[in-house]
């Protein structure tokens, strides 16, 4: 399976729309972009209205092209507020300023927990039909691709997928876009 991790930003929207064009075309227009088996958006909650508008626009384009589009409820902000000070709280992007004025970003893992893992679980359980705790079959080990919309200047963010199900793919980086 070829899955697009859709964030509703410029890059993942471009990939989704190129995939839609490929699905409708007689000859593939964008050779680096497949016709996705699924485009999956993780709704973190508290998204700006433009994100939801962009997501709905892309969902409609995917549906018209015959590409499955799924919205997963992954309430990062709700969990953060509910759990803060009580138990493990997910690390979301934070910036800090030292007394000397130096700005730095704090470590985070929300992308893994609230996007990559959520998509992986959905694909494993809902699309491939595995039961919770069931061992992956050999045919599924690193047999599927998770496409991410990182642009070329973000290539330092590209990494291997730690999950046994997926290999990551970064078409915009491959195209030097």
Protein backbone atom coordinates (compact mmCIF):
# COMPACT_ATOMS: atom_id res chain seq x y z
CA UNK A 1 0.00 0.00 0.00
CA UNK A 2 1.02 3.56 -0.66
CA UNK A 3 -0.19 5.88 2.09
CA UNK A 4 0.11 9.68 2.20
CA UNK A 5 0.46 11.20 5.65
CA UNK A 6 -1.57 14.33 4.96
CA UNK A 7 -1.11 17.42 7.12
CA UNK A 8 -3.05 19.93 4.97
CA UNK A 9 0.02 22.08 4.42
CA UNK A 10 1.41 23.11 1.07
CA UNK A 11 3.63 20.06 0.55
CA UNK A 12 1.23 17.25 1.44
CA UNK A 13 -1.59 19.04 -0.39
CA UNK A 14 0.59 19.20 -3.51
CA UNK A 15 1.28 15.46 -3.26
CA UNK A 16 -2.40 14.63 -2.76
CA UNK A 17 -3.46 16.76 -5.73
CA UNK A 18 -0.71 15.34 -7.97
CA UNK A 19 -1.93 11.87 -7.02
CA UNK A 20 -5.48 12.90 -7.96
CA UNK A 21 -4.25 14.13 -11.35
CA UNK A 22 -2.42 10.82 -11.87
CA UNK A 23 -5.57 8.88 -10.97
CA UNK A 24 -7.61 10.77 -13.57
CA UNK A 25 -4.97 10.83 -16.32
CA UNK A 26 -4.51 8.27 -19.08
CA UNK A 27 -0.73 8.71 -18.78
CA UNK A 28 0.78 9.48 -15.37
CA UNK A 29 1.58 13.20 -15.19
CA UNK A 30 3.74 13.05 -12.05
CA UNK A 31 6.03 10.00 -12.20
CA UNK A 32 7.44 10.45 -8.68
CA UNK A 33 3.95 10.47 -7.13
CA UNK A 34 1.82 7.31 -7.03
CA UNK A 35 -1.93 7.05 -6.97
CA UNK A 36 -2.28 6.64 -3.24
CA UNK A 37 -4.24 3.78 -1.72
CA UNK A 38 -5.15 6.12 1.12
CA UNK A 39 -4.61 9.73 2.10
CA UNK A 40 -4.82 10.00 5.89
CA UNK A 41 -5.21 13.20 7.90
CA UNK A 42 -4.69 13.18 11.67
CA UNK A 43 -6.93 15.80 13.27
CA UNK A 44 -5.02 16.98 16.32
CA UNK A 45 -7.85 19.25 17.47
CA UNK A 46 -7.63 23.03 17.71
CA UNK A 47 -6.44 23.31 14.11
CA UNK A 48 -6.79 26.77 12.55
CA UNK A 49 -9.86 27.06 10.33
CA UNK A 50 -7.72 27.23 7.19
CA UNK A 51 -6.37 23.72 7.94
CA UNK A 52 -9.89 22.29 8.03
CA UNK A 53 -10.83 24.18 4.86
CA UNK A 54 -7.72 22.84 3.10
CA UNK A 55 -8.42 19.32 4.37
CA UNK A 56 -12.02 19.40 3.10
CA UNK A 57 -10.88 20.75 -0.30
CA UNK A 58 -8.36 17.92 -0.60
CA UNK A 59 -10.81 15.30 0.65
CA UNK A 60 -13.25 16.32 -2.10
CA UNK A 61 -10.50 16.18 -4.75
CA UNK A 62 -9.47 12.70 -3.56
CA UNK A 63 -13.05 11.43 -3.55
CA UNK A 64 -13.58 12.75 -7.11
CA UNK A 65 -10.41 10.92 -8.19
CA UNK A 66 -11.40 7.69 -6.45
CA UNK A 67 -8.70 7.93 -3.77
CA UNK A 68 -9.66 6.86 -0.25
CA UNK A 69 -9.40 9.75 2.24
CA UNK A 70 -9.61 9.20 5.99
CA UNK A 71 -9.64 11.61 8.93
CA UNK A 72 -8.33 10.14 12.18
CA UNK A 73 -9.21 11.80 15.49
CA UNK A 74 -5.88 12.13 17.30
CA UNK A 75 -6.61 14.75 20.00
CA UNK A 76 -3.11 15.89 20.90
CA UNK A 77 -4.15 19.19 22.48
CA UNK A 78 -7.01 17.63 24.48
CA UNK A 79 -4.67 14.95 25.85
CA UNK A 80 -2.06 17.57 26.71
CA UNK A 81 -4.53 19.69 28.69
CA UNK A 82 -6.19 16.70 30.40
CA UNK A 83 -2.93 15.01 31.40
CA UNK A 84 -0.71 17.98 32.23
CA UNK A 85 0.65 17.59 35.74
CA UNK A 86 -1.21 14.30 36.26
CA UNK A 87 0.61 11.70 34.13
CA UNK A 88 2.80 11.41 31.04
CA UNK A 89 2.16 14.39 28.83
CA UNK A 90 3.11 14.30 25.19
CA UNK A 91 5.89 16.68 24.27
CA UNK A 92 4.58 19.21 21.80
CA UNK A 93 6.67 21.89 20.08
CA UNK A 94 7.85 24.41 22.65
CA UNK A 95 10.32 27.24 22.31
CA UNK A 96 12.36 28.59 25.15
CA UNK A 97 14.41 31.76 25.60
CA UNK A 98 17.37 31.77 27.95
CA UNK A 99 18.29 34.79 30.04
CA UNK A 100 20.92 35.72 27.43
CA UNK A 101 18.21 35.84 24.71
CA UNK A 102 19.19 32.55 23.01
CA UNK A 103 16.13 30.84 21.50
CA UNK A 104 15.93 27.07 21.22
CA UNK A 105 13.35 24.41 20.46
CA UNK A 106 12.55 21.80 23.09
CA UNK A 107 12.54 18.11 22.09
CA UNK A 108 9.24 16.68 20.90
CA UNK A 109 7.72 13.42 19.79
CA UNK A 110 4.16 14.42 18.94
CA UNK A 111 4.61 13.64 15.23
CA UNK A 112 5.48 10.03 16.01
CA UNK A 113 2.75 9.53 18.63
CA UNK A 114 -0.11 11.48 17.09
CA UNK A 115 0.54 11.03 13.36
CA UNK A 116 2.91 8.23 12.33
CA UNK A 117 1.79 5.73 14.99
CA UNK A 118 -1.88 6.61 14.53
CA UNK A 119 -1.65 6.08 10.77
CA UNK A 120 0.31 2.86 11.26
CA UNK A 121 -2.31 1.46 13.64
CA UNK A 122 -5.15 2.43 11.30
CA UNK A 123 -3.48 0.81 8.29
CA UNK A 124 -2.56 -2.31 10.26
CA UNK A 125 -5.93 -2.87 11.92
CA UNK A 126 -8.48 -1.34 9.56
CA UNK A 127 -6.95 -1.56 6.07
CA UNK A 128 -4.88 -4.74 6.38
CA UNK A 129 -7.19 -6.47 8.86
CA UNK A 130 -4.74 -7.42 11.59
CA UNK A 131 -6.04 -7.93 15.10
CA UNK A 132 -4.42 -6.14 18.02
CA UNK A 133 -1.29 -8.05 19.06
CA UNK A 134 -1.26 -10.21 15.93
CA UNK A 135 2.21 -10.69 14.44
CA UNK A 136 2.86 -9.17 11.03
CA UNK A 137 3.08 -11.64 8.18
CA UNK A 138 6.38 -11.70 6.29
CA UNK A 139 4.63 -10.35 3.19
CA UNK A 140 3.88 -7.10 5.06
CA UNK A 141 7.35 -6.46 6.53
CA UNK A 142 8.55 -3.13 5.08
CA UNK A 143 6.19 -3.83 2.14
CA UNK A 144 4.21 -0.58 2.34
CA UNK A 145 5.25 3.03 1.86
CA UNK A 146 4.32 6.06 3.92
CA UNK A 147 4.76 9.19 1.84
CA UNK A 148 5.44 12.47 3.58
CA UNK A 149 5.37 15.96 2.19
CA UNK A 150 8.78 17.26 3.15
CA UNK A 151 10.24 19.71 0.66
CA UNK A 152 13.86 19.63 -0.46
CA UNK A 153 15.07 22.20 2.07
CA UNK A 154 13.67 19.94 4.81
CA UNK A 155 15.61 16.87 3.68
CA UNK A 156 17.44 16.74 7.03
CA UNK A 157 14.08 15.68 8.53
CA UNK A 158 13.88 12.61 6.29
CA UNK A 159 14.48 9.40 8.17
CA UNK A 160 13.66 5.71 8.08
CA UNK A 161 10.36 4.56 9.51
CA UNK A 162 10.99 2.58 12.71
CA UNK A 163 7.78 0.60 12.17
CA UNK A 164 8.11 -2.86 10.62
CA UNK A 165 5.20 -2.18 8.26
CA UNK A 166 6.47 0.89 6.42
CA UNK A 167 9.30 2.36 4.42
CA UNK A 168 9.18 6.16 4.29
CA UNK A 169 9.14 8.00 0.98
CA UNK A 170 9.70 11.69 0.35
CA UNK A 171 8.71 12.42 -3.28
CA UNK A 172 9.25 16.20 -3.11
CA UNK A 173 12.78 15.68 -1.79
CA UNK A 174 13.44 13.10 -4.52
CA UNK A 175 12.25 15.66 -7.10
CA UNK A 176 14.45 18.38 -5.49
CA UNK A 177 11.36 20.54 -4.97
